[in-house]
Amino acid sequence: HEFDRGSPGLALLLDEVTFPVVCANLDVREDSLLAGR
């Protein structure tokens, strides 16, 4: 459900939180909003 608003919605959440968010089985290198995050 972190993806329910697509990459923009998740990017907003990542902008706002101050704690680490991890996921090993996602490859987002080609997603400009999420790459490296």
PDB file of all heavy atoms in Angstrom:
ATOM      1  N   HIS A   1       0.810  -1.221   0.000  1.00  0.00           N
ATOM      2  CA  HIS A   1       0.000   0.000   0.000  1.00  0.00           C
ATOM      3  C   HIS A   1       0.849   1.279   0.000  1.00  0.00           C
ATOM      4  O   HIS A   1       0.303   2.357  -0.264  1.00  0.00           O
ATOM      5  CB  HIS A   1      -0.972  -0.008   1.170  1.00  0.00           C
ATOM      6  CG  HIS A   1      -2.153  -0.906   0.934  1.00  0.00           C
ATOM      7  ND1 HIS A   1      -3.130  -0.622   0.006  1.00  0.00           N
ATOM      8  CD2 HIS A   1      -2.479  -2.101   1.477  1.00  0.00           C
ATOM      9  CE1 HIS A   1      -4.021  -1.590   0.005  1.00  0.00           C
ATOM     10  NE2 HIS A   1      -3.644  -2.511   0.885  1.00  0.00           N
ATOM     11  N   GLU A   2       2.131   1.171   0.263  1.00  0.00           N
ATOM     12  CA  GLU A   2       2.995   2.339   0.097  1.00  0.00           C
ATOM     13  C   GLU A   2       3.067   2.772  -1.368  1.00  0.00           C
ATOM     14  O   GLU A   2       3.482   3.897  -1.676  1.00  0.00           O
ATOM     15  CB  GLU A   2       4.399   2.053   0.638  1.00  0.00           C
ATOM     16  CG  GLU A   2       4.620   2.428   2.082  1.00  0.00           C
ATOM     17  CD  GLU A   2       3.895   1.536   3.067  1.00  0.00           C
ATOM     18  OE1 GLU A   2       4.233   0.343   3.179  1.00  0.00           O
ATOM     19  OE2 GLU A   2       2.958   2.037   3.743  1.00  0.00           O
ATOM     20  N   PHE A   3       2.650   1.886  -2.280  1.00  0.00           N
ATOM     21  CA  PHE A   3       2.692   2.180  -3.718  1.00  0.00           C
ATOM     22  C   PHE A   3       1.328   2.563  -4.274  1.00  0.00           C
ATOM     23  O   PHE A   3       1.185   2.705  -5.493  1.00  0.00           O
ATOM     24  CB  PHE A   3       3.228   0.963  -4.478  1.00  0.00           C
ATOM     25  CG  PHE A   3       4.692   0.701  -4.278  1.00  0.00           C
ATOM     26  CD1 PHE A   3       5.132  -0.039  -3.196  1.00  0.00           C
ATOM     27  CD2 PHE A   3       5.632   1.204  -5.164  1.00  0.00           C
ATOM     28  CE1 PHE A   3       6.483  -0.293  -3.005  1.00  0.00           C
ATOM     29  CE2 PHE A   3       6.985   0.968  -4.986  1.00  0.00           C
ATOM     30  CZ  PHE A   3       7.415   0.221  -3.896  1.00  0.00           C
ATOM     31  N   ASP A   4       0.317   2.729  -3.421  1.00  0.00           N
ATOM     32  CA  ASP A   4      -1.032   2.968  -3.938  1.00  0.00           C
ATOM     33  C   ASP A   4      -1.156   4.292  -4.691  1.00  0.00           C
ATOM     34  O   ASP A   4      -2.050   4.443  -5.534  1.00  0.00           O
ATOM     35  CB  ASP A   4      -2.048   2.936  -2.786  1.00  0.00           C
ATOM     36  CG  ASP A   4      -2.400   1.514  -2.389  1.00  0.00           C
ATOM     37  OD1 ASP A   4      -1.848   0.571  -2.988  1.00  0.00           O
ATOM     38  OD2 ASP A   4      -3.224   1.336  -1.472  1.00  0.00           O
ATOM     39  N   ARG A   5      -0.319   5.257  -4.397  1.00  0.00           N
ATOM     40  CA  ARG A   5      -0.297   6.517  -5.146  1.00  0.00           C
ATOM     41  C   ARG A   5       0.896   6.574  -6.091  1.00  0.00           C
ATOM     42  O   ARG A   5       1.367   7.651  -6.457  1.00  0.00           O
ATOM     43  CB  ARG A   5      -0.299   7.712  -4.190  1.00  0.00           C
ATOM     44  CG  ARG A   5      -1.601   7.859  -3.397  1.00  0.00           C
ATOM     45  CD  ARG A   5      -1.518   9.003  -2.396  1.00  0.00           C
ATOM     46  NE  ARG A   5      -2.741   9.112  -1.602  1.00  0.00           N
ATOM     47  CZ  ARG A   5      -3.731   9.965  -1.841  1.00  0.00           C
ATOM     48  NH1 ARG A   5      -3.645  10.797  -2.861  1.00  0.00           N
ATOM     49  NH2 ARG A   5      -4.802   9.994  -1.071  1.00  0.00           N
ATOM     50  N   GLY A   6       1.373   5.390  -6.472  1.00  0.00           N
ATOM     51  CA  GLY A   6       2.479   5.309  -7.411  1.00  0.00           C
ATOM     52  C   GLY A   6       3.786   5.804  -6.815  1.00  0.00           C
ATOM     53  O   GLY A   6       3.903   6.054  -5.613  1.00  0.00           O
ATOM     54  N   SER A   7       4.772   5.960  -7.660  1.00  0.00           N
ATOM     55  CA  SER A   7       6.073   6.448  -7.209  1.00  0.00           C
ATOM     56  C   SER A   7       6.006   7.844  -6.592  1.00  0.00           C
ATOM     57  O   SER A   7       6.710   8.120  -5.615  1.00  0.00           O
ATOM     58  CB  SER A   7       7.076   6.428  -8.361  1.00  0.00           C
ATOM     59  OG  SER A   7       7.304   5.096  -8.784  1.00  0.00           O
ATOM     60  N   PRO A   8       5.185   8.769  -7.121  1.00  0.00           N
ATOM     61  CA  PRO A   8       5.097  10.084  -6.465  1.00  0.00           C
ATOM     62  C   PRO A   8       4.618   9.988  -5.023  1.00  0.00           C
ATOM     63  O   PRO A   8       5.143  10.697  -4.144  1.00  0.00           O
ATOM     64  CB  PRO A   8       4.081  10.842  -7.337  1.00  0.00           C
ATOM     65  CG  PRO A   8       4.199  10.213  -8.687  1.00  0.00           C
ATOM     66  CD  PRO A   8       4.438   8.755  -8.406  1.00  0.00           C
ATOM     67  N   GLY A   9       3.645   9.112  -4.743  1.00  0.00           N
ATOM     68  CA  GLY A   9       3.168   8.975  -3.380  1.00  0.00           C
ATOM     69  C   GLY A   9       4.221   8.403  -2.452  1.00  0.00           C
ATOM     70  O   GLY A   9       4.382   8.861  -1.315  1.00  0.00           O
ATOM     71  N   LEU A  10       4.958   7.394  -2.921  1.00  0.00           N
ATOM     72  CA  LEU A  10       6.012   6.820  -2.096  1.00  0.00           C
ATOM     73  C   LEU A  10       7.158   7.801  -1.922  1.00  0.00           C
ATOM     74  O   LEU A  10       7.733   7.921  -0.829  1.00  0.00           O
ATOM     75  CB  LEU A  10       6.514   5.518  -2.721  1.00  0.00           C
ATOM     76  CG  LEU A  10       7.679   4.841  -1.993  1.00  0.00           C
ATOM     77  CD1 LEU A  10       7.393   4.621  -0.515  1.00  0.00           C
ATOM     78  CD2 LEU A  10       8.038   3.520  -2.676  1.00  0.00           C
ATOM     79  N   ALA A  11       7.496   8.529  -2.977  1.00  0.00           N
ATOM     80  CA  ALA A  11       8.562   9.528  -2.870  1.00  0.00           C
ATOM     81  C   ALA A  11       8.215  10.590  -1.828  1.00  0.00           C
ATOM     82  O   ALA A  11       9.078  11.031  -1.052  1.00  0.00           O
ATOM     83  CB  ALA A  11       8.823  10.170  -4.227  1.00  0.00           C
ATOM     84  N   LEU A  12       6.949  11.008  -1.793  1.00  0.00           N
ATOM     85  CA  LEU A  12       6.523  11.975  -0.785  1.00  0.00           C
ATOM     86  C   LEU A  12       6.727  11.405   0.613  1.00  0.00           C
ATOM     87  O   LEU A  12       7.232  12.093   1.515  1.00  0.00           O
ATOM     88  CB  LEU A  12       5.054  12.343  -1.007  1.00  0.00           C
ATOM     89  CG  LEU A  12       4.435  13.415  -0.100  1.00  0.00           C
ATOM     90  CD1 LEU A  12       3.290  14.121  -0.813  1.00  0.00           C
ATOM     91  CD2 LEU A  12       3.941  12.856   1.228  1.00  0.00           C
ATOM     92  N   LEU A  13       6.334  10.134   0.807  1.00  0.00           N
ATOM     93  CA  LEU A  13       6.506   9.517   2.124  1.00  0.00           C
ATOM     94  C   LEU A  13       7.975   9.439   2.503  1.00  0.00           C
ATOM     95  O   LEU A  13       8.354   9.739   3.648  1.00  0.00           O
ATOM     96  CB  LEU A  13       5.873   8.122   2.111  1.00  0.00           C
ATOM     97  CG  LEU A  13       5.861   7.382   3.454  1.00  0.00           C
ATOM     98  CD1 LEU A  13       4.974   8.085   4.462  1.00  0.00           C
ATOM     99  CD2 LEU A  13       5.406   5.938   3.259  1.00  0.00           C
ATOM    100  N   LEU A  14       8.817   9.053   1.561  1.00  0.00           N
ATOM    101  CA  LEU A  14      10.257   8.973   1.836  1.00  0.00           C
ATOM    102  C   LEU A  14      10.846  10.344   2.149  1.00  0.00           C
ATOM    103  O   LEU A  14      11.784  10.469   2.947  1.00  0.00           O
ATOM    104  CB  LEU A  14      10.987   8.333   0.660  1.00  0.00           C
ATOM    105  CG  LEU A  14      10.642   6.867   0.365  1.00  0.00           C
ATOM    106  CD1 LEU A  14      11.331   6.412  -0.915  1.00  0.00           C
ATOM    107  CD2 LEU A  14      11.022   5.977   1.535  1.00  0.00           C
ATOM    108  N   ASP A  15      10.307  11.385   1.515  1.00  0.00           N
ATOM    109  CA  ASP A  15      10.745  12.748   1.828  1.00  0.00           C
ATOM    110  C   ASP A  15      10.429  13.115   3.269  1.00  0.00           C
ATOM    111  O   ASP A  15      11.177  13.864   3.909  1.00  0.00           O
ATOM    112  CB  ASP A  15      10.045  13.762   0.909  1.00  0.00           C
ATOM    113  CG  ASP A  15      10.569  13.738  -0.513  1.00  0.00           C
ATOM    114  OD1 ASP A  15      11.681  13.219  -0.735  1.00  0.00           O
ATOM    115  OD2 ASP A  15       9.849  14.233  -1.409  1.00  0.00           O
ATOM    116  N   GLU A  16       9.297  12.613   3.774  1.00  0.00           N
ATOM    117  CA  GLU A  16       8.790  13.045   5.067  1.00  0.00           C
ATOM    118  C   GLU A  16       9.369  12.266   6.251  1.00  0.00           C
ATOM    119  O   GLU A  16       9.537  12.819   7.331  1.00  0.00           O
ATOM    120  CB  GLU A  16       7.259  12.927   5.095  1.00  0.00           C
ATOM    121  CG  GLU A  16       6.540  13.843   4.111  1.00  0.00           C
ATOM    122  CD  GLU A  16       6.564  15.292   4.541  1.00  0.00           C
ATOM    123  OE1 GLU A  16       6.571  15.560   5.755  1.00  0.00           O
ATOM    124  OE2 GLU A  16       6.576  16.168   3.641  1.00  0.00           O
ATOM    125  N   VAL A  17       9.642  10.975   6.085  1.00  0.00           N
ATOM    126  CA  VAL A  17      10.072  10.178   7.234  1.00  0.00           C
ATOM    127  C   VAL A  17      11.545  10.430   7.540  1.00  0.00           C
ATOM    128  O   VAL A  17      12.339  10.763   6.654  1.00  0.00           O
ATOM    129  CB  VAL A  17       9.832   8.669   7.011  1.00  0.00           C
ATOM    130  CG1 VAL A  17       8.353   8.386   6.811  1.00  0.00           C
ATOM    131  CG2 VAL A  17      10.662   8.122   5.851  1.00  0.00           C
ATOM    132  N   THR A  18      11.887  10.256   8.815  1.00  0.00           N
ATOM    133  CA  THR A  18      13.260  10.457   9.260  1.00  0.00           C
ATOM    134  C   THR A  18      13.916   9.158   9.705  1.00  0.00           C
ATOM    135  O   THR A  18      14.983   9.177  10.310  1.00  0.00           O
ATOM    136  CB  THR A  18      13.295  11.475  10.412  1.00  0.00           C
ATOM    137  OG1 THR A  18      12.460  11.007  11.486  1.00  0.00           O
ATOM    138  CG2 THR A  18      12.805  12.839   9.959  1.00  0.00           C
ATOM    139  N   PHE A  19      13.284   8.025   9.411  1.00  0.00           N
ATOM    140  CA  PHE A  19      13.827   6.721   9.803  1.00  0.00           C
ATOM    141  C   PHE A  19      14.116   5.902   8.549  1.00  0.00           C
ATOM    142  O   PHE A  19      13.556   6.158   7.479  1.00  0.00           O
ATOM    143  CB  PHE A  19      12.858   5.973  10.730  1.00  0.00           C
ATOM    144  CG  PHE A  19      11.413   6.003  10.298  1.00  0.00           C
ATOM    145  CD1 PHE A  19      10.912   5.081   9.390  1.00  0.00           C
ATOM    146  CD2 PHE A  19      10.543   6.954  10.815  1.00  0.00           C
ATOM    147  CE1 PHE A  19       9.588   5.107   8.993  1.00  0.00           C
ATOM    148  CE2 PHE A  19       9.208   6.995  10.440  1.00  0.00           C
ATOM    149  CZ  PHE A  19       8.731   6.064   9.513  1.00  0.00           C
ATOM    150  N   PRO A  20      14.996   4.887   8.660  1.00  0.00           N
ATOM    151  CA  PRO A  20      15.374   4.100   7.479  1.00  0.00           C
ATOM    152  C   PRO A  20      14.217   3.263   6.947  1.00  0.00           C
ATOM    153  O   PRO A  20      13.455   2.668   7.714  1.00  0.00           O
ATOM    154  CB  PRO A  20      16.492   3.187   8.000  1.00  0.00           C
ATOM    155  CG  PRO A  20      16.951   3.802   9.271  1.00  0.00           C
ATOM    156  CD  PRO A  20      15.778   4.509   9.854  1.00  0.00           C
ATOM    157  N   VAL A  21      14.092   3.218   5.618  1.00  0.00           N
ATOM    158  CA  VAL A  21      13.112   2.374   4.933  1.00  0.00           C
ATOM    159  C   VAL A  21      13.892   1.466   3.989  1.00  0.00           C
ATOM    160  O   VAL A  21      14.604   1.956   3.106  1.00  0.00           O
ATOM    161  CB  VAL A  21      12.086   3.218   4.154  1.00  0.00           C
ATOM    162  CG1 VAL A  21      11.120   2.310   3.402  1.00  0.00           C
ATOM    163  CG2 VAL A  21      11.323   4.145   5.097  1.00  0.00           C
ATOM    164  N   VAL A  22      13.780   0.148   4.187  1.00  0.00           N
ATOM    165  CA  VAL A  22      14.607  -0.801   3.447  1.00  0.00           C
ATOM    166  C   VAL A  22      13.748  -1.808   2.696  1.00  0.00           C
ATOM    167  O   VAL A  22      12.640  -2.130   3.112  1.00  0.00           O
ATOM    168  CB  VAL A  22      15.576  -1.553   4.392  1.00  0.00           C
ATOM    169  CG1 VAL A  22      16.498  -0.582   5.111  1.00  0.00           C
ATOM    170  CG2 VAL A  22      14.806  -2.413   5.407  1.00  0.00           C
ATOM    171  N   CYS A  23      14.272  -2.291   1.585  1.00  0.00           N
ATOM    172  CA  CYS A  23      13.618  -3.387   0.856  1.00  0.00           C
ATOM    173  C   CYS A  23      14.624  -3.977  -0.126  1.00  0.00           C
ATOM    174  O   CYS A  23      15.107  -3.271  -1.020  1.00  0.00           O
ATOM    175  CB  CYS A  23      12.363  -2.925   0.124  1.00  0.00           C
ATOM    176  SG  CYS A  23      11.373  -4.305  -0.488  1.00  0.00           S
ATOM    177  N   ALA A  24      14.937  -5.263   0.037  1.00  0.00           N
ATOM    178  CA  ALA A  24      15.989  -5.883  -0.764  1.00  0.00           C
ATOM    179  C   ALA A  24      15.499  -6.362  -2.120  1.00  0.00           C
ATOM    180  O   ALA A  24      16.273  -6.372  -3.092  1.00  0.00           O
ATOM    181  CB  ALA A  24      16.599  -7.057   0.012  1.00  0.00           C
ATOM    182  N   ASN A  25      14.240  -6.787  -2.217  1.00  0.00           N
ATOM    183  CA  ASN A  25      13.798  -7.390  -3.483  1.00  0.00           C
ATOM    184  C   ASN A  25      13.021  -6.417  -4.360  1.00  0.00           C
ATOM    185  O   ASN A  25      12.091  -6.794  -5.071  1.00  0.00           O
ATOM    186  CB  ASN A  25      12.990  -8.671  -3.232  1.00  0.00           C
ATOM    187  CG  ASN A  25      11.676  -8.425  -2.500  1.00  0.00           C
ATOM    188  OD1 ASN A  25      11.600  -7.568  -1.618  1.00  0.00           O
ATOM    189  ND2 ASN A  25      10.651  -9.190  -2.847  1.00  0.00           N
ATOM    190  N   LEU A  26      13.424  -5.164  -4.335  1.00  0.00           N
ATOM    191  CA  LEU A  26      12.923  -4.152  -5.264  1.00  0.00           C
ATOM    192  C   LEU A  26      14.089  -3.603  -6.076  1.00  0.00           C
ATOM    193  O   LEU A  26      15.129  -3.242  -5.513  1.00  0.00           O
ATOM    194  CB  LEU A  26      12.254  -3.004  -4.512  1.00  0.00           C
ATOM    195  CG  LEU A  26      10.812  -3.161  -4.047  1.00  0.00           C
ATOM    196  CD1 LEU A  26      10.361  -1.887  -3.351  1.00  0.00           C
ATOM    197  CD2 LEU A  26       9.872  -3.488  -5.200  1.00  0.00           C
ATOM    198  N   ASP A  27      13.903  -3.516  -7.361  1.00  0.00           N
ATOM    199  CA  ASP A  27      14.875  -2.855  -8.237  1.00  0.00           C
ATOM    200  C   ASP A  27      14.210  -1.589  -8.771  1.00  0.00           C
ATOM    201  O   ASP A  27      13.311  -1.652  -9.611  1.00  0.00           O
ATOM    202  CB  ASP A  27      15.281  -3.775  -9.384  1.00  0.00           C
ATOM    203  CG  ASP A  27      16.322  -3.150 -10.303  1.00  0.00           C
ATOM    204  OD1 ASP A  27      16.623  -1.943 -10.144  1.00  0.00           O
ATOM    205  OD2 ASP A  27      16.822  -3.869 -11.194  1.00  0.00           O
ATOM    206  N   VAL A  28      14.632  -0.438  -8.233  1.00  0.00           N
ATOM    207  CA  VAL A  28      14.040   0.841  -8.655  1.00  0.00           C
ATOM    208  C   VAL A  28      15.088   1.733  -9.323  1.00  0.00           C
ATOM    209  O   VAL A  28      14.922   2.949  -9.392  1.00  0.00           O
ATOM    210  CB  VAL A  28      13.404   1.570  -7.451  1.00  0.00           C
ATOM    211  CG1 VAL A  28      12.214   0.806  -6.919  1.00  0.00           C
ATOM    212  CG2 VAL A  28      14.434   1.811  -6.338  1.00  0.00           C
ATOM    213  N   ARG A  29      16.141   1.119  -9.828  1.00  0.00           N
ATOM    214  CA  ARG A  29      17.224   1.915 -10.420  1.00  0.00           C
ATOM    215  C   ARG A  29      16.765   2.735 -11.623  1.00  0.00           C
ATOM    216  O   ARG A  29      17.339   3.789 -11.913  1.00  0.00           O
ATOM    217  CB  ARG A  29      18.374   0.992 -10.833  1.00  0.00           C
ATOM    218  CG  ARG A  29      19.134   0.391  -9.653  1.00  0.00           C
ATOM    219  CD  ARG A  29      20.168  -0.607 -10.109  1.00  0.00           C
ATOM    220  NE  ARG A  29      19.526  -1.784 -10.727  1.00  0.00           N
ATOM    221  CZ  ARG A  29      20.203  -2.807 -11.236  1.00  0.00           C
ATOM    222  NH1 ARG A  29      21.538  -2.802 -11.222  1.00  0.00           N
ATOM    223  NH2 ARG A  29      19.566  -3.843 -11.768  1.00  0.00           N
ATOM    224  N   GLU A  30      15.716   2.265 -12.314  1.00  0.00           N
ATOM    225  CA  GLU A  30      15.235   2.973 -13.492  1.00  0.00           C
ATOM    226  C   GLU A  30      14.082   3.924 -13.180  1.00  0.00           C
ATOM    227  O   GLU A  30      13.545   4.568 -14.085  1.00  0.00           O
ATOM    228  CB  GLU A  30      14.787   1.966 -14.554  1.00  0.00           C
ATOM    229  CG  GLU A  30      15.885   1.005 -14.999  1.00  0.00           C
ATOM    230  CD  GLU A  30      17.090   1.736 -15.573  1.00  0.00           C
ATOM    231  OE1 GLU A  30      16.879   2.716 -16.323  1.00  0.00           O
ATOM    232  OE2 GLU A  30      18.227   1.349 -15.247  1.00  0.00           O
ATOM    233  N   ASP A  31      13.689   4.002 -11.924  1.00  0.00           N
ATOM    234  CA  ASP A  31      12.620   4.908 -11.504  1.00  0.00           C
ATOM    235  C   ASP A  31      13.261   6.174 -10.941  1.00  0.00           C
ATOM    236  O   ASP A  31      13.855   6.154  -9.867  1.00  0.00           O
ATOM    237  CB  ASP A  31      11.741   4.238 -10.445  1.00  0.00           C
ATOM    238  CG  ASP A  31      10.491   5.048 -10.109  1.00  0.00           C
ATOM    239  OD1 ASP A  31      10.605   6.282  -9.999  1.00  0.00           O
ATOM    240  OD2 ASP A  31       9.421   4.446  -9.944  1.00  0.00           O
ATOM    241  N   SER A  32      13.149   7.269 -11.648  1.00  0.00           N
ATOM    242  CA  SER A  32      13.869   8.493 -11.283  1.00  0.00           C
ATOM    243  C   SER A  32      13.439   9.036  -9.923  1.00  0.00           C
ATOM    244  O   SER A  32      14.217   9.731  -9.261  1.00  0.00           O
ATOM    245  CB  SER A  32      13.667   9.562 -12.356  1.00  0.00           C
ATOM    246  OG  SER A  32      12.287   9.892 -12.488  1.00  0.00           O
ATOM    247  N   LEU A  33      12.215   8.737  -9.488  1.00  0.00           N
ATOM    248  CA  LEU A  33      11.726   9.255  -8.204  1.00  0.00           C
ATOM    249  C   LEU A  33      12.212   8.428  -7.021  1.00  0.00           C
ATOM    250  O   LEU A  33      12.243   8.927  -5.888  1.00  0.00           O
ATOM    251  CB  LEU A  33      10.198   9.302  -8.196  1.00  0.00           C
ATOM    252  CG  LEU A  33       9.547  10.283  -9.169  1.00  0.00           C
ATOM    253  CD1 LEU A  33       8.022  10.148  -9.100  1.00  0.00           C
ATOM    254  CD2 LEU A  33       9.960  11.717  -8.854  1.00  0.00           C
ATOM    255  N   LEU A  34      12.588   7.182  -7.264  1.00  0.00           N
ATOM    256  CA  LEU A  34      12.923   6.275  -6.164  1.00  0.00           C
ATOM    257  C   LEU A  34      14.360   5.778  -6.187  1.00  0.00           C
ATOM    258  O   LEU A  34      14.846   5.254  -5.177  1.00  0.00           O
ATOM    259  CB  LEU A  34      11.986   5.061  -6.189  1.00  0.00           C
ATOM    260  CG  LEU A  34      10.480   5.344  -6.103  1.00  0.00           C
ATOM    261  CD1 LEU A  34       9.696   4.046  -6.177  1.00  0.00           C
ATOM    262  CD2 LEU A  34      10.138   6.117  -4.834  1.00  0.00           C
ATOM    263  N   ALA A  35      15.045   5.936  -7.296  1.00  0.00           N
ATOM    264  CA  ALA A  35      16.396   5.385  -7.446  1.00  0.00           C
ATOM    265  C   ALA A  35      17.317   5.873  -6.328  1.00  0.00           C
ATOM    266  O   ALA A  35      17.369   7.065  -6.022  1.00  0.00           O
ATOM    267  CB  ALA A  35      16.974   5.763  -8.810  1.00  0.00           C
ATOM    268  N   GLY A  36      18.016   4.934  -5.718  1.00  0.00           N
ATOM    269  CA  GLY A  36      18.986   5.251  -4.681  1.00  0.00           C
ATOM    270  C   GLY A  36      18.403   5.579  -3.334  1.00  0.00           C
ATOM    271  O   GLY A  36      19.149   5.952  -2.415  1.00  0.00           O
ATOM    272  N   ARG A  37      17.102   5.414  -3.168  1.00  0.00           N
ATOM    273  CA  ARG A  37      16.452   5.849  -1.932  1.00  0.00           C
ATOM    274  C   ARG A  37      15.993   4.693  -1.043  1.00  0.00           C
ATOM    275  O   ARG A  37      15.527   4.931   0.067  1.00  0.00           O
ATOM    276  CB  ARG A  37      15.248   6.737  -2.262  1.00  0.00           C
ATOM    277  CG  ARG A  37      15.583   7.921  -3.156  1.00  0.00           C
ATOM    278  CD  ARG A  37      14.439   8.889  -3.251  1.00  0.00           C
ATOM    279  NE  ARG A  37      14.172   9.537  -1.966  1.00  0.00           N
ATOM    280  CZ  ARG A  37      13.184  10.390  -1.747  1.00  0.00           C
ATOM    281  NH1 ARG A  37      12.342  10.681  -2.713  1.00  0.00           N
ATOM    282  NH2 ARG A  37      13.017  10.934  -0.566  1.00  0.00           N
TER     283      ARG A  37
END
